[in-house]
N, C-alpha and C. Protein backbone atom coordinates (compact mmCIF):
# COMPACT_ATOMS: atom_id res chain seq x y z
N MET A 1 0.84 -1.20 0.00
CA MET A 1 0.00 0.00 0.00
C MET A 1 0.88 1.25 0.00
N ASN A 2 0.49 2.26 -0.79
CA ASN A 2 1.19 3.52 -0.83
C ASN A 2 1.16 4.19 0.55
N VAL A 3 2.35 4.57 1.07
CA VAL A 3 2.44 5.13 2.42
C VAL A 3 1.67 6.44 2.54
N ARG A 4 1.70 7.23 1.49
CA ARG A 4 0.98 8.51 1.50
C ARG A 4 -0.53 8.25 1.64
N TYR A 5 -1.02 7.22 0.94
CA TYR A 5 -2.43 6.86 1.02
C TYR A 5 -2.76 6.34 2.41
N LEU A 6 -1.85 5.56 3.00
CA LEU A 6 -2.06 5.04 4.35
C LEU A 6 -2.18 6.19 5.34
N ARG A 7 -1.33 7.20 5.19
CA ARG A 7 -1.40 8.35 6.09
C ARG A 7 -2.76 9.03 6.00
N LEU A 8 -3.28 9.13 4.80
CA LEU A 8 -4.60 9.73 4.61
C LEU A 8 -5.66 8.90 5.33
N LEU A 9 -5.56 7.58 5.22
CA LEU A 9 -6.51 6.71 5.90
C LEU A 9 -6.44 6.89 7.41
N ILE A 10 -5.21 6.99 7.94
CA ILE A 10 -5.03 7.16 9.37
C ILE A 10 -5.67 8.47 9.83
N LEU A 11 -5.41 9.55 9.09
CA LEU A 11 -5.95 10.85 9.46
C LEU A 11 -7.47 10.89 9.35
N MET A 12 -8.02 10.07 8.47
CA MET A 12 -9.47 10.01 8.31
C MET A 12 -10.11 9.01 9.27
N GLY A 13 -9.26 8.23 9.95
CA GLY A 13 -9.80 7.31 10.95
C GLY A 13 -10.18 5.95 10.41
N PHE A 14 -9.76 5.61 9.18
CA PHE A 14 -10.17 4.34 8.60
C PHE A 14 -9.16 3.21 8.84
N ALA A 15 -7.93 3.56 9.16
CA ALA A 15 -6.90 2.53 9.35
C ALA A 15 -6.74 2.20 10.82
N THR A 16 -7.86 1.98 11.50
CA THR A 16 -7.83 1.70 12.93
C THR A 16 -8.28 0.27 13.20
N ALA A 17 -7.98 -0.19 14.38
CA ALA A 17 -8.26 -1.58 14.70
C ALA A 17 -9.74 -1.83 14.98
N ASN A 18 -10.45 -0.83 15.44
CA ASN A 18 -11.87 -1.04 15.78
C ASN A 18 -12.61 0.29 15.71
N ALA A 19 -13.91 0.21 16.01
CA ALA A 19 -14.76 1.39 15.89
C ALA A 19 -14.35 2.48 16.87
N SER A 20 -13.81 2.11 18.05
CA SER A 20 -13.44 3.12 19.02
C SER A 20 -12.32 4.01 18.49
N GLY A 21 -11.47 3.43 17.63
CA GLY A 21 -10.42 4.24 17.01
C GLY A 21 -10.99 5.30 16.11
N GLU A 22 -12.00 4.94 15.33
CA GLU A 22 -12.65 5.91 14.46
C GLU A 22 -13.31 7.00 15.30
N ALA A 23 -13.90 6.59 16.43
CA ALA A 23 -14.54 7.57 17.30
C ALA A 23 -13.53 8.56 17.83
N GLU A 24 -12.31 8.10 18.10
CA GLU A 24 -11.25 8.99 18.59
C GLU A 24 -10.90 10.04 17.55
N HIS A 25 -10.82 9.63 16.28
CA HIS A 25 -10.52 10.58 15.21
C HIS A 25 -11.63 11.62 15.08
N LEU A 26 -12.86 11.15 15.12
CA LEU A 26 -13.99 12.06 15.01
C LEU A 26 -14.02 13.02 16.19
N ASN A 27 -13.59 12.54 17.34
CA ASN A 27 -13.59 13.37 18.53
C ASN A 27 -12.68 14.59 18.36
N PHE A 28 -11.51 14.39 17.74
CA PHE A 28 -10.61 15.51 17.51
C PHE A 28 -11.24 16.54 16.57
N ALA A 29 -11.85 16.04 15.49
CA ALA A 29 -12.48 16.95 14.53
C ALA A 29 -13.62 17.73 15.18
N ASP A 30 -14.44 17.02 15.97
CA ASP A 30 -15.56 17.68 16.66
C ASP A 30 -15.05 18.70 17.66
N GLU A 31 -13.99 18.33 18.39
CA GLU A 31 -13.47 19.21 19.43
C GLU A 31 -12.98 20.53 18.84
N ILE A 32 -12.26 20.45 17.74
CA ILE A 32 -11.77 21.67 17.09
C ILE A 32 -12.93 22.53 16.63
N ALA A 33 -13.91 21.90 15.98
CA ALA A 33 -15.05 22.65 15.45
C ALA A 33 -15.90 23.25 16.56
N TYR A 34 -16.27 22.41 17.54
CA TYR A 34 -17.17 22.88 18.59
C TYR A 34 -16.55 23.96 19.47
N ASN A 35 -15.29 23.77 19.86
CA ASN A 35 -14.65 24.76 20.73
C ASN A 35 -14.63 26.13 20.09
N ASN A 36 -14.29 26.17 18.81
CA ASN A 36 -14.18 27.47 18.14
C ASN A 36 -15.54 28.06 17.80
N HIS A 37 -16.49 27.21 17.47
CA HIS A 37 -17.84 27.74 17.23
C HIS A 37 -18.47 28.22 18.54
N ASP A 38 -18.09 27.57 19.65
CA ASP A 38 -18.61 28.00 20.95
C ASP A 38 -18.05 29.36 21.34
N ILE A 39 -16.81 29.63 20.98
CA ILE A 39 -16.26 30.98 21.19
C ILE A 39 -17.11 31.99 20.43
N ASP A 40 -17.37 31.68 19.17
CA ASP A 40 -18.17 32.56 18.31
C ASP A 40 -19.56 32.78 18.91
N ASP A 41 -20.22 31.69 19.29
CA ASP A 41 -21.57 31.79 19.86
C ASP A 41 -21.56 32.53 21.20
N GLY A 42 -20.52 32.26 22.01
CA GLY A 42 -20.44 32.93 23.30
C GLY A 42 -20.30 34.43 23.17
N LEU A 43 -19.50 34.88 22.20
CA LEU A 43 -19.33 36.31 21.96
C LEU A 43 -20.60 36.93 21.40
N LYS A 44 -21.25 36.22 20.47
CA LYS A 44 -22.49 36.74 19.88
C LYS A 44 -23.57 36.93 20.94
N SER A 45 -23.67 35.96 21.85
CA SER A 45 -24.72 35.99 22.86
C SER A 45 -24.39 36.91 24.03
N GLY A 46 -23.14 37.34 24.12
CA GLY A 46 -22.73 38.19 25.23
C GLY A 46 -22.40 37.42 26.50
N LEU A 47 -22.38 36.09 26.43
CA LEU A 47 -22.06 35.29 27.62
C LEU A 47 -20.58 35.37 27.96
N ILE A 48 -19.75 35.61 26.94
CA ILE A 48 -18.34 35.89 27.16
C ILE A 48 -17.97 37.14 26.38
N THR A 49 -16.88 37.78 26.76
CA THR A 49 -16.47 39.03 26.12
C THR A 49 -15.02 38.93 25.64
N PHE A 50 -14.61 39.91 24.86
CA PHE A 50 -13.22 39.96 24.42
C PHE A 50 -12.29 40.08 25.63
N ASP A 51 -12.71 40.82 26.65
CA ASP A 51 -11.89 40.95 27.86
C ASP A 51 -11.72 39.60 28.55
N ASP A 52 -12.78 38.81 28.57
CA ASP A 52 -12.69 37.47 29.17
C ASP A 52 -11.64 36.63 28.46
N LEU A 53 -11.59 36.75 27.15
CA LEU A 53 -10.72 35.91 26.34
C LEU A 53 -9.25 36.32 26.39
N LYS A 54 -8.96 37.49 26.97
CA LYS A 54 -7.57 37.95 27.04
C LYS A 54 -6.68 36.99 27.82
N SER A 55 -7.28 36.22 28.72
CA SER A 55 -6.50 35.29 29.55
C SER A 55 -6.17 33.99 28.82
N ILE A 56 -6.76 33.80 27.63
CA ILE A 56 -6.55 32.56 26.88
C ILE A 56 -5.45 32.78 25.85
N THR A 57 -4.35 32.07 26.02
CA THR A 57 -3.14 32.30 25.23
C THR A 57 -3.39 32.20 23.74
N VAL A 58 -4.03 31.09 23.32
CA VAL A 58 -4.20 30.86 21.88
C VAL A 58 -5.10 31.92 21.26
N TRP A 59 -6.10 32.38 22.00
CA TRP A 59 -6.97 33.44 21.48
C TRP A 59 -6.23 34.77 21.38
N GLN A 60 -5.61 35.20 22.48
CA GLN A 60 -5.01 36.53 22.50
C GLN A 60 -3.84 36.64 21.53
N THR A 61 -3.08 35.56 21.39
CA THR A 61 -1.95 35.56 20.45
C THR A 61 -2.43 35.84 19.03
N HIS A 62 -3.47 35.11 18.62
CA HIS A 62 -3.97 35.26 17.25
C HIS A 62 -4.79 36.55 17.08
N PHE A 63 -5.48 36.96 18.14
CA PHE A 63 -6.23 38.22 18.07
C PHE A 63 -5.28 39.39 17.87
N ASP A 64 -4.17 39.40 18.60
CA ASP A 64 -3.17 40.47 18.45
C ASP A 64 -2.58 40.48 17.04
N GLU A 65 -2.34 39.27 16.51
CA GLU A 65 -1.81 39.16 15.14
C GLU A 65 -2.79 39.73 14.12
N MET A 66 -4.07 39.43 14.29
CA MET A 66 -5.08 39.92 13.36
C MET A 66 -5.24 41.43 13.46
N GLU A 67 -5.13 41.97 14.68
CA GLU A 67 -5.23 43.42 14.87
C GLU A 67 -4.10 44.14 14.14
N LYS A 68 -2.89 43.58 14.21
CA LYS A 68 -1.75 44.18 13.54
C LYS A 68 -1.86 44.04 12.02
N LYS A 69 -2.34 42.88 11.59
CA LYS A 69 -2.43 42.61 10.15
C LYS A 69 -3.57 43.38 9.50
N TYR A 70 -4.67 43.55 10.24
CA TYR A 70 -5.85 44.24 9.69
C TYR A 70 -6.26 45.36 10.65
N PRO A 71 -5.51 46.47 10.68
CA PRO A 71 -5.78 47.56 11.64
C PRO A 71 -7.14 48.23 11.45
N GLU A 72 -7.73 48.10 10.29
CA GLU A 72 -9.04 48.73 10.04
C GLU A 72 -10.22 47.81 10.37
N ALA A 73 -9.94 46.58 10.73
CA ALA A 73 -11.01 45.60 10.98
C ALA A 73 -11.76 45.94 12.26
N ASN A 74 -13.09 45.72 12.23
CA ASN A 74 -13.90 45.93 13.44
C ASN A 74 -13.90 44.65 14.29
N ASP A 75 -14.57 44.70 15.43
CA ASP A 75 -14.57 43.56 16.36
C ASP A 75 -15.16 42.30 15.72
N LYS A 76 -16.23 42.46 14.96
CA LYS A 76 -16.86 41.31 14.32
C LYS A 76 -15.90 40.63 13.34
N GLN A 77 -15.20 41.44 12.56
CA GLN A 77 -14.24 40.90 11.60
C GLN A 77 -13.04 40.25 12.30
N LEU A 78 -12.57 40.91 13.37
CA LEU A 78 -11.44 40.36 14.12
C LEU A 78 -11.80 39.03 14.77
N LYS A 79 -13.02 38.94 15.26
CA LYS A 79 -13.48 37.68 15.86
C LYS A 79 -13.44 36.56 14.83
N ARG A 80 -13.99 36.84 13.65
CA ARG A 80 -14.04 35.82 12.59
C ARG A 80 -12.63 35.42 12.16
N LEU A 81 -11.76 36.40 11.99
CA LEU A 81 -10.39 36.12 11.56
C LEU A 81 -9.62 35.33 12.62
N THR A 82 -9.85 35.67 13.88
CA THR A 82 -9.14 34.98 14.97
C THR A 82 -9.60 33.54 15.09
N VAL A 83 -10.90 33.32 15.04
CA VAL A 83 -11.44 31.94 15.11
C VAL A 83 -10.90 31.11 13.96
N LYS A 84 -10.88 31.68 12.77
CA LYS A 84 -10.37 30.99 11.59
C LYS A 84 -8.90 30.61 11.78
N ALA A 85 -8.11 31.53 12.35
CA ALA A 85 -6.68 31.28 12.56
C ALA A 85 -6.45 30.17 13.59
N ILE A 86 -7.28 30.15 14.63
CA ILE A 86 -7.14 29.11 15.67
C ILE A 86 -7.49 27.74 15.10
N ILE A 87 -8.56 27.69 14.30
CA ILE A 87 -8.93 26.42 13.66
C ILE A 87 -7.80 25.93 12.78
N ASN A 88 -7.22 26.83 12.01
CA ASN A 88 -6.10 26.46 11.13
C ASN A 88 -4.91 25.95 11.93
N LEU A 89 -4.63 26.59 13.06
CA LEU A 89 -3.52 26.15 13.91
C LEU A 89 -3.74 24.73 14.42
N PHE A 90 -4.93 24.47 14.94
CA PHE A 90 -5.21 23.15 15.52
C PHE A 90 -5.22 22.06 14.46
N VAL A 91 -5.85 22.34 13.32
CA VAL A 91 -5.91 21.33 12.25
C VAL A 91 -4.52 21.05 11.70
N SER A 92 -3.75 22.11 11.45
CA SER A 92 -2.39 21.94 10.91
C SER A 92 -1.51 21.16 11.88
N ASP A 93 -1.64 21.48 13.17
CA ASP A 93 -0.83 20.78 14.17
C ASP A 93 -1.24 19.31 14.26
N LEU A 94 -2.53 19.04 14.20
CA LEU A 94 -3.02 17.66 14.26
C LEU A 94 -2.42 16.82 13.13
N ILE A 95 -2.42 17.37 11.93
CA ILE A 95 -1.87 16.67 10.77
C ILE A 95 -0.35 16.52 10.89
N SER A 96 0.31 17.61 11.25
CA SER A 96 1.77 17.60 11.35
C SER A 96 2.26 16.64 12.42
N TYR A 97 1.62 16.68 13.60
CA TYR A 97 2.07 15.82 14.70
C TYR A 97 1.78 14.35 14.40
N THR A 98 0.63 14.09 13.76
CA THR A 98 0.31 12.71 13.40
C THR A 98 1.33 12.18 12.39
N ASN A 99 1.71 13.00 11.43
CA ASN A 99 2.74 12.58 10.46
C ASN A 99 4.07 12.29 11.15
N SER A 100 4.41 13.11 12.15
CA SER A 100 5.68 12.88 12.86
C SER A 100 5.63 11.58 13.65
N ARG A 101 4.45 11.26 14.19
CA ARG A 101 4.29 9.99 14.92
C ARG A 101 4.38 8.79 13.98
N ILE A 102 3.85 8.96 12.77
CA ILE A 102 3.94 7.89 11.77
C ILE A 102 5.40 7.61 11.44
N GLU A 103 6.17 8.69 11.30
CA GLU A 103 7.60 8.54 11.02
C GLU A 103 8.33 7.91 12.20
N GLU A 104 8.03 8.40 13.37
CA GLU A 104 8.70 7.94 14.59
C GLU A 104 8.47 6.45 14.84
N LEU A 105 7.24 6.00 14.62
CA LEU A 105 6.89 4.60 14.88
C LEU A 105 7.10 3.70 13.67
N LYS A 106 7.59 4.33 12.56
CA LYS A 106 7.85 3.58 11.32
C LYS A 106 6.60 2.81 10.86
N ILE A 107 5.49 3.53 10.82
CA ILE A 107 4.22 2.96 10.36
C ILE A 107 4.23 2.89 8.84
N LYS A 108 4.03 1.70 8.30
CA LYS A 108 4.01 1.53 6.85
C LYS A 108 2.79 0.74 6.37
N THR A 109 2.16 0.01 7.24
CA THR A 109 1.01 -0.79 6.84
C THR A 109 -0.12 -0.61 7.87
N ILE A 110 -1.31 -1.04 7.50
CA ILE A 110 -2.43 -0.99 8.42
C ILE A 110 -2.17 -1.88 9.63
N GLN A 111 -1.49 -3.01 9.41
CA GLN A 111 -1.15 -3.89 10.52
C GLN A 111 -0.24 -3.18 11.52
N ASP A 112 0.68 -2.33 11.02
CA ASP A 112 1.54 -1.53 11.90
C ASP A 112 0.69 -0.62 12.79
N VAL A 113 -0.35 -0.05 12.20
CA VAL A 113 -1.24 0.83 12.96
C VAL A 113 -1.91 0.05 14.08
N ARG A 114 -2.37 -1.15 13.75
CA ARG A 114 -3.08 -1.96 14.74
C ARG A 114 -2.16 -2.42 15.87
N GLU A 115 -0.90 -2.64 15.55
CA GLU A 115 0.03 -3.16 16.55
C GLU A 115 0.67 -2.06 17.42
N LYS A 116 0.93 -0.91 16.84
CA LYS A 116 1.61 0.14 17.62
C LYS A 116 1.05 1.53 17.37
N GLY A 117 -0.21 1.58 17.01
CA GLY A 117 -0.81 2.87 16.67
C GLY A 117 -1.58 3.54 17.78
N LYS A 118 -1.40 3.10 19.03
CA LYS A 118 -2.11 3.75 20.13
C LYS A 118 -1.67 5.20 20.26
N ASP A 119 -2.64 6.09 20.41
CA ASP A 119 -2.36 7.53 20.51
C ASP A 119 -1.58 8.04 19.30
N LEU A 120 -1.81 7.45 18.16
CA LEU A 120 -1.10 7.85 16.95
C LEU A 120 -1.54 9.23 16.48
N VAL A 121 -2.82 9.50 16.59
CA VAL A 121 -3.37 10.78 16.15
C VAL A 121 -3.57 11.69 17.35
N GLY A 122 -3.09 12.91 17.26
CA GLY A 122 -3.29 13.84 18.36
C GLY A 122 -2.55 15.15 18.16
N PHE A 123 -2.66 16.02 19.15
CA PHE A 123 -1.97 17.30 19.11
C PHE A 123 -0.55 17.16 19.65
N SER A 124 0.31 18.05 19.23
CA SER A 124 1.65 18.12 19.81
C SER A 124 1.52 18.57 21.27
N PRO A 125 2.53 18.30 22.11
CA PRO A 125 2.44 18.71 23.52
C PRO A 125 2.15 20.19 23.71
N GLU A 126 2.75 21.04 22.88
CA GLU A 126 2.55 22.48 23.02
C GLU A 126 1.10 22.88 22.73
N ILE A 127 0.56 22.34 21.64
CA ILE A 127 -0.82 22.69 21.26
C ILE A 127 -1.82 22.03 22.21
N LYS A 128 -1.47 20.89 22.71
CA LYS A 128 -2.35 20.21 23.68
C LYS A 128 -2.55 21.09 24.91
N ILE A 129 -1.50 21.76 25.36
CA ILE A 129 -1.61 22.67 26.51
C ILE A 129 -2.54 23.84 26.18
N LEU A 130 -2.38 24.40 24.98
CA LEU A 130 -3.24 25.52 24.57
C LEU A 130 -4.70 25.09 24.46
N ASN A 131 -4.91 23.91 23.92
CA ASN A 131 -6.27 23.39 23.75
C ASN A 131 -6.93 23.12 25.10
N THR A 132 -6.16 22.58 26.03
CA THR A 132 -6.69 22.31 27.37
C THR A 132 -7.08 23.61 28.07
N GLU A 133 -6.25 24.64 27.93
CA GLU A 133 -6.56 25.94 28.52
C GLU A 133 -7.86 26.50 27.95
N LEU A 134 -8.03 26.38 26.64
CA LEU A 134 -9.25 26.87 25.99
C LEU A 134 -10.48 26.10 26.48
N LYS A 135 -10.37 24.79 26.58
CA LYS A 135 -11.50 23.96 27.02
C LYS A 135 -11.92 24.29 28.45
N ARG A 136 -10.92 24.50 29.31
CA ARG A 136 -11.24 24.85 30.70
C ARG A 136 -11.95 26.19 30.78
N PHE A 137 -11.50 27.13 29.96
CA PHE A 137 -12.14 28.44 29.92
C PHE A 137 -13.61 28.31 29.50
N LEU A 138 -13.84 27.59 28.42
CA LEU A 138 -15.21 27.43 27.92
C LEU A 138 -16.10 26.73 28.95
N PHE A 139 -15.55 25.74 29.61
CA PHE A 139 -16.33 25.02 30.62
C PHE A 139 -16.74 25.94 31.76
N ASN A 140 -15.79 26.71 32.26
CA ASN A 140 -16.05 27.55 33.44
C ASN A 140 -16.84 28.82 33.11
N LYS A 141 -16.54 29.44 31.96
CA LYS A 141 -17.14 30.73 31.66
C LYS A 141 -18.39 30.65 30.80
N LEU A 142 -18.50 29.58 29.98
CA LEU A 142 -19.63 29.50 29.06
C LEU A 142 -20.59 28.37 29.44
N TYR A 143 -20.11 27.15 29.51
CA TYR A 143 -21.00 26.01 29.74
C TYR A 143 -21.63 26.03 31.13
N ARG A 144 -20.98 26.71 32.08
CA ARG A 144 -21.54 26.81 33.44
C ARG A 144 -22.11 28.19 33.73
N HIS A 145 -22.30 29.00 32.70
CA HIS A 145 -22.94 30.30 32.86
C HIS A 145 -24.37 30.08 33.32
N TYR A 146 -24.87 30.96 34.20
CA TYR A 146 -26.19 30.73 34.78
C TYR A 146 -27.29 30.70 33.71
N ARG A 147 -27.14 31.46 32.63
CA ARG A 147 -28.15 31.45 31.58
C ARG A 147 -28.15 30.12 30.83
N VAL A 148 -26.96 29.56 30.63
CA VAL A 148 -26.87 28.25 29.98
C VAL A 148 -27.47 27.19 30.89
N GLU A 149 -27.20 27.29 32.21
CA GLU A 149 -27.76 26.33 33.17
C GLU A 149 -29.29 26.40 33.17
N ARG A 150 -29.82 27.61 33.03
CA ARG A 150 -31.28 27.77 32.98
C ARG A 150 -31.86 27.07 31.75
N MET A 151 -31.19 27.25 30.61
CA MET A 151 -31.67 26.61 29.39
C MET A 151 -31.57 25.09 29.49
N ALA A 152 -30.51 24.60 30.13
CA ALA A 152 -30.35 23.16 30.32
C ALA A 152 -31.47 22.61 31.19
N GLU A 153 -31.84 23.37 32.21
CA GLU A 153 -32.93 22.94 33.10
C GLU A 153 -34.26 22.91 32.34
N LYS A 154 -34.48 23.91 31.48
CA LYS A 154 -35.69 23.91 30.65
C LYS A 154 -35.72 22.69 29.73
N ALA A 155 -34.58 22.42 29.09
CA ALA A 155 -34.50 21.30 28.16
C ALA A 155 -34.79 19.98 28.87
N LYS A 156 -34.23 19.83 30.07
CA LYS A 156 -34.46 18.59 30.84
C LYS A 156 -35.94 18.43 31.17
N ARG A 157 -36.59 19.53 31.52
CA ARG A 157 -38.01 19.47 31.86
C ARG A 157 -38.84 19.11 30.63
N VAL A 158 -38.53 19.71 29.49
CA VAL A 158 -39.28 19.43 28.26
C VAL A 158 -39.14 17.95 27.88
N ILE A 159 -37.91 17.44 27.87
CA ILE A 159 -37.68 16.04 27.48
C ILE A 159 -38.34 15.07 28.45
N THR A 160 -38.23 15.36 29.74
CA THR A 160 -38.83 14.49 30.76
C THR A 160 -40.34 14.42 30.61
N GLU A 161 -40.95 15.58 30.40
CA GLU A 161 -42.42 15.61 30.32
C GLU A 161 -42.91 15.03 29.00
N LEU A 162 -42.15 15.20 27.92
CA LEU A 162 -42.52 14.55 26.66
C LEU A 162 -42.47 13.03 26.82
N PHE A 163 -41.40 12.54 27.41
CA PHE A 163 -41.25 11.09 27.61
C PHE A 163 -42.40 10.53 28.45
N THR A 164 -42.73 11.22 29.54
CA THR A 164 -43.81 10.77 30.42
C THR A 164 -45.15 10.74 29.69
N ALA A 165 -45.41 11.77 28.90
CA ALA A 165 -46.68 11.85 28.16
C ALA A 165 -46.79 10.75 27.13
N TYR A 166 -45.74 10.54 26.33
CA TYR A 166 -45.76 9.51 25.29
C TYR A 166 -45.89 8.12 25.90
N LYS A 167 -45.15 7.89 26.97
CA LYS A 167 -45.16 6.57 27.60
C LYS A 167 -46.53 6.24 28.18
N SER A 168 -47.22 7.25 28.69
CA SER A 168 -48.52 7.01 29.33
C SER A 168 -49.64 6.81 28.32
N ASN A 169 -49.41 7.23 27.06
CA ASN A 169 -50.46 7.08 26.04
C ASN A 169 -49.83 6.82 24.68
N LYS A 170 -49.75 5.57 24.28
CA LYS A 170 -49.11 5.18 23.02
C LYS A 170 -49.75 5.84 21.80
N LYS A 171 -51.03 6.19 21.93
CA LYS A 171 -51.76 6.70 20.78
C LYS A 171 -51.31 8.09 20.34
N ILE A 172 -50.59 8.80 21.19
CA ILE A 172 -50.17 10.16 20.80
C ILE A 172 -48.82 10.17 20.10
N VAL A 173 -48.17 9.00 19.99
CA VAL A 173 -46.96 8.88 19.18
C VAL A 173 -47.39 8.59 17.75
N PRO A 174 -46.90 9.34 16.77
CA PRO A 174 -47.30 9.11 15.38
C PRO A 174 -47.17 7.64 14.99
N PRO A 175 -48.24 7.03 14.47
CA PRO A 175 -48.21 5.59 14.15
C PRO A 175 -47.14 5.22 13.14
N GLY A 176 -46.85 6.09 12.21
CA GLY A 176 -45.83 5.80 11.21
C GLY A 176 -44.47 5.57 11.82
N PHE A 177 -44.24 6.17 12.98
CA PHE A 177 -42.94 6.00 13.64
C PHE A 177 -42.89 4.69 14.41
N SER A 178 -43.88 4.45 15.25
CA SER A 178 -43.86 3.26 16.10
C SER A 178 -44.00 1.97 15.31
N GLU A 179 -44.65 2.02 14.15
CA GLU A 179 -44.86 0.82 13.34
C GLU A 179 -43.57 0.31 12.70
N ALA A 180 -42.54 1.14 12.69
CA ALA A 180 -41.28 0.74 12.08
C ALA A 180 -40.49 -0.23 12.97
N TYR A 181 -40.94 -0.41 14.21
CA TYR A 181 -40.24 -1.27 15.15
C TYR A 181 -40.87 -2.66 15.22
N SER A 182 -40.06 -3.64 15.58
CA SER A 182 -40.57 -5.00 15.73
C SER A 182 -41.41 -5.09 17.00
N ASP A 183 -42.23 -6.13 17.08
CA ASP A 183 -43.17 -6.28 18.20
C ASP A 183 -42.47 -6.46 19.54
N ASP A 184 -41.24 -7.00 19.53
CA ASP A 184 -40.56 -7.25 20.80
C ASP A 184 -39.74 -6.04 21.29
N THR A 185 -39.82 -4.93 20.56
CA THR A 185 -39.13 -3.71 21.01
C THR A 185 -39.96 -3.03 22.09
N SER A 186 -39.33 -2.67 23.20
CA SER A 186 -40.07 -2.01 24.28
C SER A 186 -40.55 -0.64 23.82
N PHE A 187 -41.72 -0.24 24.30
CA PHE A 187 -42.26 1.05 23.90
C PHE A 187 -41.39 2.19 24.43
N GLU A 188 -40.75 1.97 25.58
CA GLU A 188 -39.83 2.98 26.11
C GLU A 188 -38.70 3.26 25.12
N ARG A 189 -38.21 2.19 24.44
CA ARG A 189 -37.16 2.36 23.43
C ARG A 189 -37.67 3.17 22.25
N VAL A 190 -38.91 2.91 21.84
CA VAL A 190 -39.52 3.63 20.73
C VAL A 190 -39.62 5.12 21.09
N VAL A 191 -40.09 5.41 22.30
CA VAL A 191 -40.24 6.80 22.74
C VAL A 191 -38.89 7.50 22.80
N CYS A 192 -37.87 6.81 23.34
CA CYS A 192 -36.53 7.40 23.43
C CYS A 192 -36.01 7.77 22.04
N ASP A 193 -36.17 6.87 21.09
CA ASP A 193 -35.70 7.13 19.73
C ASP A 193 -36.47 8.27 19.08
N TYR A 194 -37.76 8.33 19.34
CA TYR A 194 -38.59 9.39 18.77
C TYR A 194 -38.13 10.76 19.27
N ILE A 195 -37.90 10.88 20.58
CA ILE A 195 -37.46 12.14 21.15
C ILE A 195 -36.04 12.48 20.70
N ALA A 196 -35.18 11.47 20.64
CA ALA A 196 -33.78 11.70 20.24
C ALA A 196 -33.67 12.24 18.82
N GLY A 197 -34.63 11.91 17.97
CA GLY A 197 -34.59 12.37 16.59
C GLY A 197 -35.17 13.76 16.37
N MET A 198 -35.65 14.39 17.43
CA MET A 198 -36.27 15.70 17.31
C MET A 198 -35.23 16.82 17.26
N THR A 199 -35.50 17.83 16.47
CA THR A 199 -34.74 19.07 16.57
C THR A 199 -35.27 19.85 17.77
N ASP A 200 -34.55 20.88 18.19
CA ASP A 200 -35.02 21.71 19.31
C ASP A 200 -36.38 22.31 18.98
N ARG A 201 -36.51 22.83 17.77
CA ARG A 201 -37.76 23.48 17.37
C ARG A 201 -38.94 22.50 17.40
N TYR A 202 -38.69 21.29 16.88
CA TYR A 202 -39.76 20.29 16.83
C TYR A 202 -40.16 19.86 18.24
N ALA A 203 -39.18 19.65 19.12
CA ALA A 203 -39.47 19.23 20.49
C ALA A 203 -40.30 20.28 21.22
N LEU A 204 -39.93 21.55 21.04
CA LEU A 204 -40.69 22.62 21.69
C LEU A 204 -42.10 22.71 21.11
N GLY A 205 -42.21 22.45 19.79
CA GLY A 205 -43.53 22.44 19.16
C GLY A 205 -44.40 21.32 19.71
N GLU A 206 -43.83 20.13 19.87
CA GLU A 206 -44.56 19.00 20.45
C GLU A 206 -44.98 19.29 21.89
N TYR A 207 -44.08 19.89 22.63
CA TYR A 207 -44.38 20.23 24.03
C TYR A 207 -45.58 21.19 24.09
N LYS A 208 -45.56 22.16 23.20
CA LYS A 208 -46.66 23.13 23.18
C LYS A 208 -47.98 22.47 22.79
N LYS A 209 -47.91 21.59 21.79
CA LYS A 209 -49.13 20.89 21.35
C LYS A 209 -49.72 20.03 22.44
N LEU A 210 -48.88 19.42 23.25
CA LEU A 210 -49.35 18.50 24.27
C LEU A 210 -49.81 19.20 25.56
N PHE A 211 -49.21 20.36 25.88
CA PHE A 211 -49.46 20.95 27.19
C PHE A 211 -50.09 22.34 27.14
N ASP A 212 -50.16 22.97 25.96
CA ASP A 212 -50.82 24.27 25.84
C ASP A 212 -52.24 24.04 25.31
N PRO A 213 -53.27 24.29 26.12
CA PRO A 213 -54.66 24.04 25.69
C PRO A 213 -55.06 24.84 24.44
N MET A 214 -54.39 25.95 24.19
CA MET A 214 -54.78 26.79 23.07
C MET A 214 -54.04 26.43 21.77
N ALA A 215 -53.06 25.54 21.87
CA ALA A 215 -52.26 25.19 20.67
C ALA A 215 -52.96 24.12 19.86
N LYS A 216 -52.81 24.21 18.52
CA LYS A 216 -53.35 23.19 17.63
C LYS A 216 -52.55 21.91 17.80
N VAL A 217 -53.25 20.78 17.79
CA VAL A 217 -52.56 19.49 17.96
C VAL A 217 -52.28 18.82 16.62
């Protein structure tokens, strides 16, 4: 097998010994995307500020660079440019460090990956520190913000009450959905799958239909 092609497979998560390996690859991609989009969402919503982010090394380093490079840019533009630069840093480092590990471990075949490919894909030690700092910031300043906690409590209440209502009366679950399951499937499983497939908007619409007397059913 062409070594260059093997490297591509490794980076895409296909040259792994089992499904958990693929999940690990996807986890890195999700982490990069979610962390940076959460910065964007946090700033848009006002839950975090530019001043809050000054303590985060990877943010402030790239923000300062963008300010120097684009002195006429406004805050919205600087935010977009900085997020883009951080994503590029993390993705580039992930590829570069994984390639260095492939060289270091002398990986040439898929069997090599299976035998000595543990922790083959990942960030370099330096970037790992920056990423950990960013994650801790988001956890403490954004994910545990009182407004986010309030929304989480609302979501829990909506899901719990939908589950209770559906479970207590099978007839209010759309027949086209429940009929797709075999007879030996528990109705609780059917209800869980039905709720899990809902978008936020759909779930809130269902909640309103079931519990608001004035809403159309």
